[in-house]
Amino acid sequence: MVHNVGYRLPKFKDMQAKLLKGSFDFIGLNYYTAKYVTKAEDCTGKKHYSYTTDSKGASDWLYSYPEGIRKLLVNVKNNYGDPLIYITENGFDDVNSGLPLLKARVDEDKIHYDKVNVQGYFAWSLLDNFEWGEGYTVGFGFMYVDFKNGVTRYPKKSAIWLMKFLNNEIKL
């Protein structure tokens, strides 16, 4: 970061840096997919080809790696003192291809947490909506939107689960 932005970074005195370290109230995480990353000093420049063999989402950039969010949460827990975590955005898109209603509503993605202090989850999105790169051709929503038939909305299985969870009918 210092190499890329240099002089624009704020300058802190030792006491200021000490006061700032670990002073966050929570960590907010967005998770859609995972890519291999390493510390710059460990970077060999080798490309990890298995990334592009994972299940593909409707968007060009999105590959399915469900265990990635679990690994990310455990990594944050272990490296940042078990902070409060809010998942601020998360999802996996489907192609809005006119699938039969029952098929479009069954989305069985599951995530398990390893006693990580997740205090909230903000999903993307309530409804299948306009995505900047793909328009209405993909859907991230809890509600399937049939754009070919009057934008009728149908709850996906995830919406039913969320409703039960919010009504305390399901415990994690």
N, C-alpha and C. Protein backbone atom coordinates (compact mmCIF):
# COMPACT_ATOMS: atom_id res chain seq x y z
N MET A 1 0.83 -1.18 0.00
CA MET A 1 0.00 0.00 0.00
C MET A 1 0.88 1.25 0.00
N VAL A 2 1.93 1.24 0.78
CA VAL A 2 2.82 2.40 0.85
C VAL A 2 3.39 2.69 -0.53
N HIS A 3 3.75 1.64 -1.25
CA HIS A 3 4.30 1.80 -2.61
C HIS A 3 3.27 2.44 -3.54
N ASN A 4 2.01 2.03 -3.44
CA ASN A 4 0.98 2.51 -4.36
C ASN A 4 0.45 3.91 -4.05
N VAL A 5 0.29 4.24 -2.79
CA VAL A 5 -0.31 5.53 -2.45
C VAL A 5 0.62 6.48 -1.71
N GLY A 6 1.72 5.95 -1.22
CA GLY A 6 2.79 6.74 -0.64
C GLY A 6 2.40 7.94 0.19
N TYR A 7 2.67 9.14 -0.32
CA TYR A 7 2.51 10.39 0.42
C TYR A 7 1.07 10.66 0.84
N ARG A 8 0.09 10.00 0.21
CA ARG A 8 -1.31 10.26 0.56
C ARG A 8 -1.73 9.56 1.85
N LEU A 9 -0.93 8.62 2.32
CA LEU A 9 -1.24 7.95 3.58
C LEU A 9 -1.03 8.91 4.75
N PRO A 10 -1.89 8.83 5.76
CA PRO A 10 -1.69 9.71 6.92
C PRO A 10 -0.42 9.30 7.67
N LYS A 11 0.19 10.27 8.32
CA LYS A 11 1.38 10.03 9.15
C LYS A 11 0.93 10.04 10.61
N PHE A 12 1.30 8.98 11.34
CA PHE A 12 0.93 8.88 12.75
C PHE A 12 2.18 8.86 13.62
N LYS A 13 2.09 9.50 14.76
CA LYS A 13 3.14 9.39 15.77
C LYS A 13 2.96 8.04 16.44
N ASP A 14 3.99 7.57 17.13
CA ASP A 14 3.94 6.24 17.75
C ASP A 14 2.74 6.07 18.68
N MET A 15 2.45 7.08 19.50
CA MET A 15 1.32 6.99 20.43
C MET A 15 -0.01 6.92 19.67
N GLN A 16 -0.14 7.69 18.61
CA GLN A 16 -1.36 7.66 17.80
C GLN A 16 -1.55 6.28 17.17
N ALA A 17 -0.50 5.72 16.64
CA ALA A 17 -0.57 4.40 16.02
C ALA A 17 -0.98 3.35 17.06
N LYS A 18 -0.42 3.46 18.26
CA LYS A 18 -0.76 2.52 19.33
C LYS A 18 -2.24 2.62 19.71
N LEU A 19 -2.76 3.85 19.78
CA LEU A 19 -4.17 4.06 20.12
C LEU A 19 -5.10 3.54 19.02
N LEU A 20 -4.68 3.66 17.78
CA LEU A 20 -5.52 3.23 16.67
C LEU A 20 -5.56 1.71 16.50
N LYS A 21 -4.46 1.04 16.81
CA LYS A 21 -4.37 -0.40 16.57
C LYS A 21 -5.47 -1.14 17.34
N GLY A 22 -6.30 -1.87 16.60
CA GLY A 22 -7.38 -2.65 17.21
C GLY A 22 -8.53 -1.81 17.73
N SER A 23 -8.66 -0.57 17.29
CA SER A 23 -9.69 0.31 17.85
C SER A 23 -11.02 0.25 17.12
N PHE A 24 -11.17 -0.65 16.18
CA PHE A 24 -12.43 -0.75 15.44
C PHE A 24 -13.54 -1.32 16.32
N ASP A 25 -14.78 -0.97 15.99
CA ASP A 25 -15.95 -1.49 16.72
C ASP A 25 -16.37 -2.84 16.18
N PHE A 26 -16.24 -3.03 14.90
CA PHE A 26 -16.58 -4.30 14.25
C PHE A 26 -15.87 -4.34 12.91
N ILE A 27 -15.88 -5.52 12.32
CA ILE A 27 -15.35 -5.67 10.96
C ILE A 27 -16.51 -6.06 10.06
N GLY A 28 -16.68 -5.33 8.99
CA GLY A 28 -17.71 -5.64 8.00
C GLY A 28 -17.07 -6.33 6.81
N LEU A 29 -17.62 -7.46 6.41
CA LEU A 29 -17.06 -8.24 5.31
C LEU A 29 -18.06 -8.40 4.18
N ASN A 30 -17.60 -8.20 2.96
CA ASN A 30 -18.34 -8.58 1.76
C ASN A 30 -17.73 -9.89 1.27
N TYR A 31 -18.55 -10.85 0.87
CA TYR A 31 -18.01 -12.09 0.32
C TYR A 31 -18.89 -12.57 -0.81
N TYR A 32 -18.28 -12.74 -1.96
CA TYR A 32 -18.95 -13.34 -3.10
C TYR A 32 -18.17 -14.53 -3.61
N THR A 33 -16.87 -14.42 -3.68
CA THR A 33 -16.03 -15.48 -4.22
C THR A 33 -14.65 -15.33 -3.59
N ALA A 34 -13.76 -16.24 -3.91
CA ALA A 34 -12.40 -16.18 -3.36
C ALA A 34 -11.40 -16.29 -4.50
N LYS A 35 -10.30 -15.62 -4.32
CA LYS A 35 -9.18 -15.75 -5.25
C LYS A 35 -7.94 -15.98 -4.40
N TYR A 36 -6.97 -16.66 -4.98
CA TYR A 36 -5.74 -16.91 -4.25
C TYR A 36 -4.98 -15.60 -4.07
N VAL A 37 -4.59 -15.32 -2.86
CA VAL A 37 -3.75 -14.16 -2.59
C VAL A 37 -2.65 -14.57 -1.63
N THR A 38 -1.54 -13.90 -1.72
CA THR A 38 -0.44 -14.13 -0.79
C THR A 38 0.14 -12.79 -0.41
N LYS A 39 0.90 -12.78 0.64
CA LYS A 39 1.62 -11.57 1.00
C LYS A 39 2.58 -11.25 -0.15
N ALA A 40 2.81 -9.99 -0.38
CA ALA A 40 3.65 -9.57 -1.50
C ALA A 40 5.02 -10.22 -1.47
N GLU A 41 5.61 -10.36 -0.28
CA GLU A 41 6.95 -10.94 -0.22
C GLU A 41 6.96 -12.44 -0.54
N ASP A 42 5.77 -13.09 -0.47
CA ASP A 42 5.67 -14.52 -0.78
C ASP A 42 5.21 -14.77 -2.21
N CYS A 43 4.87 -13.74 -2.92
CA CYS A 43 4.26 -13.88 -4.24
C CYS A 43 5.27 -14.42 -5.24
N THR A 44 4.93 -15.54 -5.88
CA THR A 44 5.82 -16.15 -6.86
C THR A 44 5.42 -15.82 -8.27
N GLY A 45 4.23 -15.26 -8.44
CA GLY A 45 3.76 -14.96 -9.79
C GLY A 45 3.10 -16.15 -10.46
N LYS A 46 3.06 -17.30 -9.79
CA LYS A 46 2.41 -18.48 -10.36
C LYS A 46 0.90 -18.30 -10.32
N LYS A 47 0.24 -18.73 -11.37
CA LYS A 47 -1.21 -18.64 -11.45
C LYS A 47 -1.82 -19.94 -10.93
N HIS A 48 -2.82 -19.83 -10.08
CA HIS A 48 -3.49 -21.01 -9.55
C HIS A 48 -4.70 -21.31 -10.42
N TYR A 49 -4.58 -22.31 -11.26
CA TYR A 49 -5.61 -22.58 -12.26
C TYR A 49 -6.88 -23.20 -11.70
N SER A 50 -6.83 -23.81 -10.52
CA SER A 50 -8.03 -24.46 -9.98
C SER A 50 -9.13 -23.45 -9.70
N TYR A 51 -8.78 -22.19 -9.53
CA TYR A 51 -9.80 -21.17 -9.26
C TYR A 51 -10.85 -21.14 -10.36
N THR A 52 -10.42 -21.21 -11.60
CA THR A 52 -11.37 -21.09 -12.71
C THR A 52 -12.05 -22.41 -13.05
N THR A 53 -11.77 -23.47 -12.31
CA THR A 53 -12.48 -24.73 -12.54
C THR A 53 -13.63 -24.91 -11.56
N ASP A 54 -13.78 -24.01 -10.59
CA ASP A 54 -14.90 -24.08 -9.65
C ASP A 54 -16.21 -23.78 -10.39
N SER A 55 -17.33 -24.12 -9.75
CA SER A 55 -18.64 -23.83 -10.35
C SER A 55 -18.75 -22.35 -10.64
N LYS A 56 -19.32 -22.03 -11.76
CA LYS A 56 -19.39 -20.66 -12.25
C LYS A 56 -20.75 -20.06 -11.94
N GLY A 57 -20.76 -18.79 -11.54
CA GLY A 57 -21.99 -18.04 -11.40
C GLY A 57 -22.39 -17.47 -12.74
N ALA A 58 -23.46 -16.74 -12.75
CA ALA A 58 -23.92 -16.12 -14.00
C ALA A 58 -23.01 -14.97 -14.43
N SER A 59 -22.39 -14.29 -13.48
CA SER A 59 -21.48 -13.19 -13.79
C SER A 59 -20.10 -13.74 -14.12
N ASP A 60 -19.41 -13.09 -15.04
CA ASP A 60 -18.09 -13.56 -15.47
C ASP A 60 -17.09 -13.67 -14.33
N TRP A 61 -17.18 -12.82 -13.34
CA TRP A 61 -16.20 -12.75 -12.27
C TRP A 61 -16.50 -13.68 -11.10
N LEU A 62 -17.65 -14.35 -11.11
CA LEU A 62 -18.11 -15.06 -9.92
C LEU A 62 -17.97 -16.57 -10.04
N TYR A 63 -17.15 -17.14 -9.16
CA TYR A 63 -16.99 -18.59 -9.07
C TYR A 63 -17.41 -19.02 -7.67
N SER A 64 -18.01 -20.20 -7.60
CA SER A 64 -18.52 -20.70 -6.33
C SER A 64 -17.39 -21.28 -5.49
N TYR A 65 -17.24 -20.77 -4.31
CA TYR A 65 -16.30 -21.32 -3.33
C TYR A 65 -16.91 -21.11 -1.96
N PRO A 66 -17.98 -21.89 -1.65
CA PRO A 66 -18.73 -21.68 -0.41
C PRO A 66 -17.88 -21.76 0.85
N GLU A 67 -16.88 -22.65 0.88
CA GLU A 67 -16.07 -22.75 2.09
C GLU A 67 -15.17 -21.52 2.28
N GLY A 68 -15.08 -20.69 1.26
CA GLY A 68 -14.26 -19.48 1.36
C GLY A 68 -14.74 -18.53 2.43
N ILE A 69 -16.05 -18.36 2.58
CA ILE A 69 -16.55 -17.44 3.61
C ILE A 69 -16.23 -17.99 5.00
N ARG A 70 -16.30 -19.29 5.15
CA ARG A 70 -15.96 -19.91 6.42
C ARG A 70 -14.49 -19.67 6.74
N LYS A 71 -13.63 -19.90 5.75
CA LYS A 71 -12.20 -19.69 5.96
C LYS A 71 -11.90 -18.22 6.25
N LEU A 72 -12.57 -17.32 5.57
CA LEU A 72 -12.38 -15.89 5.81
C LEU A 72 -12.78 -15.52 7.23
N LEU A 73 -13.94 -16.01 7.68
CA LEU A 73 -14.41 -15.69 9.03
C LEU A 73 -13.46 -16.22 10.10
N VAL A 74 -12.98 -17.46 9.93
CA VAL A 74 -12.05 -18.04 10.90
C VAL A 74 -10.73 -17.28 10.88
N ASN A 75 -10.27 -16.89 9.69
CA ASN A 75 -9.03 -16.12 9.58
C ASN A 75 -9.14 -14.78 10.32
N VAL A 76 -10.25 -14.09 10.14
CA VAL A 76 -10.45 -12.80 10.83
C VAL A 76 -10.52 -13.04 12.34
N LYS A 77 -11.23 -14.07 12.75
CA LYS A 77 -11.32 -14.39 14.18
C LYS A 77 -9.93 -14.63 14.77
N ASN A 78 -9.14 -15.46 14.11
CA ASN A 78 -7.83 -15.84 14.63
C ASN A 78 -6.80 -14.72 14.57
N ASN A 79 -6.90 -13.84 13.59
CA ASN A 79 -5.87 -12.82 13.40
C ASN A 79 -6.22 -11.44 13.94
N TYR A 80 -7.48 -11.23 14.33
CA TYR A 80 -7.89 -9.90 14.79
C TYR A 80 -8.60 -9.95 16.13
N GLY A 81 -8.33 -10.97 16.93
CA GLY A 81 -8.84 -11.00 18.30
C GLY A 81 -10.32 -11.27 18.43
N ASP A 82 -10.88 -12.10 17.59
CA ASP A 82 -12.29 -12.49 17.66
C ASP A 82 -13.23 -11.28 17.70
N PRO A 83 -13.14 -10.40 16.69
CA PRO A 83 -13.96 -9.19 16.70
C PRO A 83 -15.42 -9.46 16.36
N LEU A 84 -16.26 -8.48 16.63
CA LEU A 84 -17.63 -8.53 16.12
C LEU A 84 -17.55 -8.45 14.60
N ILE A 85 -18.31 -9.30 13.92
CA ILE A 85 -18.30 -9.32 12.46
C ILE A 85 -19.73 -9.16 11.96
N TYR A 86 -19.87 -8.32 10.95
CA TYR A 86 -21.12 -8.21 10.21
C TYR A 86 -20.82 -8.57 8.77
N ILE A 87 -21.56 -9.51 8.23
CA ILE A 87 -21.43 -9.82 6.82
C ILE A 87 -22.28 -8.77 6.12
N THR A 88 -21.62 -7.82 5.48
CA THR A 88 -22.30 -6.66 4.94
C THR A 88 -22.86 -6.89 3.55
N GLU A 89 -22.36 -7.90 2.87
CA GLU A 89 -22.89 -8.21 1.54
C GLU A 89 -22.41 -9.60 1.17
N ASN A 90 -23.29 -10.38 0.56
CA ASN A 90 -22.96 -11.75 0.20
C ASN A 90 -23.99 -12.26 -0.78
N GLY A 91 -23.57 -13.09 -1.70
CA GLY A 91 -24.53 -13.68 -2.61
C GLY A 91 -23.87 -14.44 -3.74
N PHE A 92 -24.70 -15.14 -4.49
CA PHE A 92 -24.25 -15.89 -5.67
C PHE A 92 -25.37 -15.79 -6.69
N ASP A 93 -25.02 -15.35 -7.87
CA ASP A 93 -26.08 -15.08 -8.84
C ASP A 93 -26.41 -16.28 -9.72
N ASP A 94 -27.63 -16.26 -10.21
CA ASP A 94 -28.13 -17.23 -11.18
C ASP A 94 -28.49 -16.47 -12.44
N VAL A 95 -28.52 -17.20 -13.53
CA VAL A 95 -28.99 -16.60 -14.77
C VAL A 95 -30.51 -16.53 -14.72
N ASN A 96 -31.09 -15.38 -15.00
CA ASN A 96 -32.54 -15.27 -15.10
C ASN A 96 -32.94 -15.76 -16.48
N SER A 97 -33.06 -17.07 -16.58
CA SER A 97 -33.24 -17.67 -17.90
C SER A 97 -34.64 -18.24 -18.11
N GLY A 98 -35.58 -17.84 -17.28
CA GLY A 98 -36.92 -18.38 -17.44
C GLY A 98 -37.02 -19.82 -16.95
N LEU A 99 -36.20 -20.18 -15.95
CA LEU A 99 -36.28 -21.52 -15.38
C LEU A 99 -37.66 -21.75 -14.80
N PRO A 100 -38.08 -23.00 -14.74
CA PRO A 100 -39.35 -23.27 -14.05
C PRO A 100 -39.27 -22.72 -12.62
N LEU A 101 -40.38 -22.22 -12.14
CA LEU A 101 -40.44 -21.56 -10.84
C LEU A 101 -39.83 -22.39 -9.72
N LEU A 102 -40.18 -23.67 -9.63
CA LEU A 102 -39.66 -24.51 -8.54
C LEU A 102 -38.14 -24.62 -8.61
N LYS A 103 -37.58 -24.73 -9.79
CA LYS A 103 -36.13 -24.83 -9.94
C LYS A 103 -35.45 -23.52 -9.54
N ALA A 104 -36.01 -22.40 -9.90
CA ALA A 104 -35.41 -21.10 -9.59
C ALA A 104 -35.46 -20.79 -8.10
N ARG A 105 -36.40 -21.37 -7.38
CA ARG A 105 -36.58 -21.05 -5.96
C ARG A 105 -35.75 -21.92 -5.04
N VAL A 106 -35.18 -23.02 -5.51
CA VAL A 106 -34.42 -23.92 -4.66
C VAL A 106 -32.94 -23.54 -4.75
N ASP A 107 -32.45 -22.87 -3.73
CA ASP A 107 -31.04 -22.48 -3.67
C ASP A 107 -30.47 -22.95 -2.33
N GLU A 108 -29.78 -24.07 -2.36
CA GLU A 108 -29.40 -24.81 -1.16
C GLU A 108 -28.06 -24.40 -0.54
N ASP A 109 -27.52 -23.24 -0.88
CA ASP A 109 -26.21 -22.85 -0.35
C ASP A 109 -26.26 -22.78 1.18
N LYS A 110 -25.23 -23.39 1.81
CA LYS A 110 -25.17 -23.41 3.27
C LYS A 110 -23.80 -22.93 3.73
N ILE A 111 -23.78 -22.22 4.83
CA ILE A 111 -22.53 -21.76 5.41
C ILE A 111 -22.55 -22.13 6.89
N HIS A 112 -21.44 -22.69 7.36
CA HIS A 112 -21.33 -23.05 8.78
C HIS A 112 -20.27 -22.16 9.42
N TYR A 113 -20.52 -21.72 10.64
CA TYR A 113 -19.59 -20.85 11.34
C TYR A 113 -18.91 -21.61 12.46
N ASP A 114 -17.64 -21.35 12.67
CA ASP A 114 -16.84 -22.02 13.69
C ASP A 114 -16.69 -21.13 14.92
N LYS A 115 -17.82 -20.87 15.57
CA LYS A 115 -17.85 -20.03 16.77
C LYS A 115 -17.23 -18.66 16.50
N VAL A 116 -17.43 -18.16 15.30
CA VAL A 116 -16.98 -16.83 14.94
C VAL A 116 -18.06 -15.85 15.38
N ASN A 117 -17.66 -14.69 15.83
CA ASN A 117 -18.57 -13.73 16.44
C ASN A 117 -19.33 -12.92 15.38
N VAL A 118 -20.08 -13.62 14.54
CA VAL A 118 -20.88 -12.95 13.51
C VAL A 118 -22.14 -12.41 14.17
N GLN A 119 -22.32 -11.10 14.13
CA GLN A 119 -23.45 -10.47 14.79
C GLN A 119 -24.54 -10.03 13.83
N GLY A 120 -24.26 -10.06 12.54
CA GLY A 120 -25.26 -9.63 11.58
C GLY A 120 -24.93 -10.09 10.19
N TYR A 121 -25.95 -10.08 9.36
CA TYR A 121 -25.81 -10.51 7.97
C TYR A 121 -26.69 -9.63 7.10
N PHE A 122 -26.08 -8.98 6.14
CA PHE A 122 -26.80 -8.14 5.19
C PHE A 122 -26.64 -8.79 3.83
N ALA A 123 -27.68 -9.39 3.34
CA ALA A 123 -27.58 -10.14 2.08
C ALA A 123 -27.75 -9.23 0.88
N TRP A 124 -27.18 -9.65 -0.21
CA TRP A 124 -27.39 -8.99 -1.49
C TRP A 124 -28.12 -9.98 -2.35
N SER A 125 -29.34 -9.85 -2.54
CA SER A 125 -30.19 -8.71 -2.30
C SER A 125 -31.59 -9.23 -1.99
N LEU A 126 -32.48 -8.38 -1.57
CA LEU A 126 -33.86 -8.78 -1.31
C LEU A 126 -34.50 -9.34 -2.57
N LEU A 127 -34.36 -8.63 -3.67
CA LEU A 127 -34.98 -9.03 -4.94
C LEU A 127 -33.91 -9.24 -6.01
N ASP A 128 -34.18 -10.13 -6.96
CA ASP A 128 -33.36 -10.14 -8.16
C ASP A 128 -33.49 -8.75 -8.75
N ASN A 129 -32.37 -8.12 -9.09
CA ASN A 129 -32.42 -6.72 -9.49
C ASN A 129 -31.46 -6.43 -10.64
N PHE A 130 -31.33 -5.17 -10.97
CA PHE A 130 -30.44 -4.73 -12.04
C PHE A 130 -29.01 -4.76 -11.53
N GLU A 131 -28.16 -5.54 -12.18
CA GLU A 131 -26.74 -5.58 -11.85
C GLU A 131 -25.99 -4.79 -12.91
N TRP A 132 -25.07 -3.93 -12.51
CA TRP A 132 -24.41 -3.01 -13.43
C TRP A 132 -23.78 -3.72 -14.62
N GLY A 133 -23.13 -4.82 -14.41
CA GLY A 133 -22.44 -5.49 -15.52
C GLY A 133 -23.31 -6.42 -16.33
N GLU A 134 -24.45 -6.86 -15.79
CA GLU A 134 -25.26 -7.87 -16.45
C GLU A 134 -26.72 -7.49 -16.65
N GLY A 135 -27.13 -6.34 -16.17
CA GLY A 135 -28.53 -5.94 -16.31
C GLY A 135 -29.44 -6.85 -15.49
N TYR A 136 -30.55 -7.26 -16.10
CA TYR A 136 -31.52 -8.14 -15.42
C TYR A 136 -31.29 -9.61 -15.74
N THR A 137 -30.12 -9.95 -16.29
CA THR A 137 -29.89 -11.33 -16.73
C THR A 137 -29.45 -12.26 -15.62
N VAL A 138 -29.07 -11.73 -14.46
CA VAL A 138 -28.65 -12.56 -13.33
C VAL A 138 -29.44 -12.15 -12.10
N GLY A 139 -29.52 -13.06 -11.13
CA GLY A 139 -30.30 -12.74 -9.93
C GLY A 139 -29.60 -13.16 -8.66
N PHE A 140 -29.44 -12.23 -7.72
CA PHE A 140 -28.86 -12.49 -6.40
C PHE A 140 -29.93 -12.55 -5.31
N GLY A 141 -31.16 -12.24 -5.60
CA GLY A 141 -32.16 -11.97 -4.58
C GLY A 141 -32.71 -13.16 -3.82
N PHE A 142 -33.27 -12.86 -2.64
CA PHE A 142 -34.05 -13.84 -1.90
C PHE A 142 -35.36 -14.12 -2.64
N MET A 143 -35.80 -13.13 -3.39
CA MET A 143 -37.04 -13.25 -4.16
C MET A 143 -36.70 -13.37 -5.64
N TYR A 144 -37.20 -14.43 -6.26
CA TYR A 144 -37.06 -14.59 -7.71
C TYR A 144 -38.03 -13.62 -8.38
N VAL A 145 -37.53 -12.86 -9.34
CA VAL A 145 -38.38 -11.92 -10.08
C VAL A 145 -38.49 -12.43 -11.51
N ASP A 146 -39.71 -12.72 -11.92
CA ASP A 146 -39.97 -13.20 -13.28
C ASP A 146 -40.14 -11.98 -14.18
N PHE A 147 -39.04 -11.56 -14.79
CA PHE A 147 -39.05 -10.36 -15.62
C PHE A 147 -39.80 -10.56 -16.93
N LYS A 148 -40.09 -11.81 -17.28
CA LYS A 148 -40.80 -12.07 -18.54
C LYS A 148 -42.31 -12.08 -18.36
N ASN A 149 -42.78 -12.11 -17.11
CA ASN A 149 -44.22 -12.19 -16.84
C ASN A 149 -44.64 -11.16 -15.80
N GLY A 150 -44.52 -9.90 -16.15
CA GLY A 150 -45.04 -8.84 -15.28
C GLY A 150 -44.27 -8.62 -14.00
N VAL A 151 -43.01 -8.96 -13.97
CA VAL A 151 -42.14 -8.85 -12.79
C VAL A 151 -42.77 -9.44 -11.52
N THR A 152 -43.46 -10.56 -11.70
CA THR A 152 -44.03 -11.27 -10.56
C THR A 152 -42.90 -11.77 -9.67
N ARG A 153 -43.08 -11.67 -8.36
CA ARG A 153 -42.05 -12.05 -7.40
C ARG A 153 -42.45 -13.32 -6.68
N TYR A 154 -41.48 -14.22 -6.50
CA TYR A 154 -41.70 -15.48 -5.81
C TYR A 154 -40.58 -15.69 -4.80
N PRO A 155 -40.90 -16.11 -3.58
CA PRO A 155 -39.83 -16.35 -2.60
C PRO A 155 -39.04 -17.60 -2.96
N LYS A 156 -37.71 -17.47 -2.89
CA LYS A 156 -36.84 -18.63 -3.05
C LYS A 156 -36.79 -19.36 -1.72
N LYS A 157 -36.20 -20.55 -1.72
CA LYS A 157 -36.08 -21.31 -0.49
C LYS A 157 -35.31 -20.52 0.57
N SER A 158 -34.32 -19.74 0.14
CA SER A 158 -33.56 -18.93 1.08
C SER A 158 -34.44 -17.88 1.76
N ALA A 159 -35.43 -17.35 1.06
CA ALA A 159 -36.35 -16.37 1.65
C ALA A 159 -37.21 -17.02 2.73
N ILE A 160 -37.67 -18.23 2.47
CA ILE A 160 -38.47 -18.97 3.46
C ILE A 160 -37.62 -19.24 4.70
N TRP A 161 -36.37 -19.68 4.48
CA TRP A 161 -35.47 -19.93 5.60
C TRP A 161 -35.26 -18.65 6.40
N LEU A 162 -34.98 -17.54 5.72
CA LEU A 162 -34.73 -16.27 6.41
C LEU A 162 -35.94 -15.85 7.23
N MET A 163 -37.13 -15.99 6.68
CA MET A 163 -38.35 -15.63 7.40
C MET A 163 -38.47 -16.47 8.68
N LYS A 164 -38.22 -17.77 8.58
CA LYS A 164 -38.30 -18.64 9.76
C LYS A 164 -37.22 -18.28 10.78
N PHE A 165 -36.03 -17.98 10.29
CA PHE A 165 -34.94 -17.59 11.18
C PHE A 165 -35.28 -16.30 11.93
N LEU A 166 -35.78 -15.31 11.21
CA LEU A 166 -36.13 -14.03 11.83
C LEU A 166 -37.30 -14.15 12.79
N ASN A 167 -38.14 -15.16 12.61
CA ASN A 167 -39.26 -15.42 13.52
C ASN A 167 -38.88 -16.40 14.63
N ASN A 168 -37.58 -16.65 14.79
CA ASN A 168 -37.06 -17.56 15.82
C ASN A 168 -37.58 -18.98 15.70
N GLU A 169 -37.93 -19.39 14.50
CA GLU A 169 -38.36 -20.77 14.28
C GLU A 169 -37.16 -21.66 13.96
N ILE A 170 -36.02 -21.06 13.67
CA ILE A 170 -34.79 -21.78 13.36
C ILE A 170 -33.68 -21.16 14.19
N LYS A 171 -32.85 -22.00 14.79
CA LYS A 171 -31.69 -21.53 15.55
C LYS A 171 -30.43 -21.98 14.83
N LEU A 172 -29.40 -21.15 14.90
CA LEU A 172 -28.10 -21.52 14.31
C LEU A 172 -27.27 -22.25 15.32
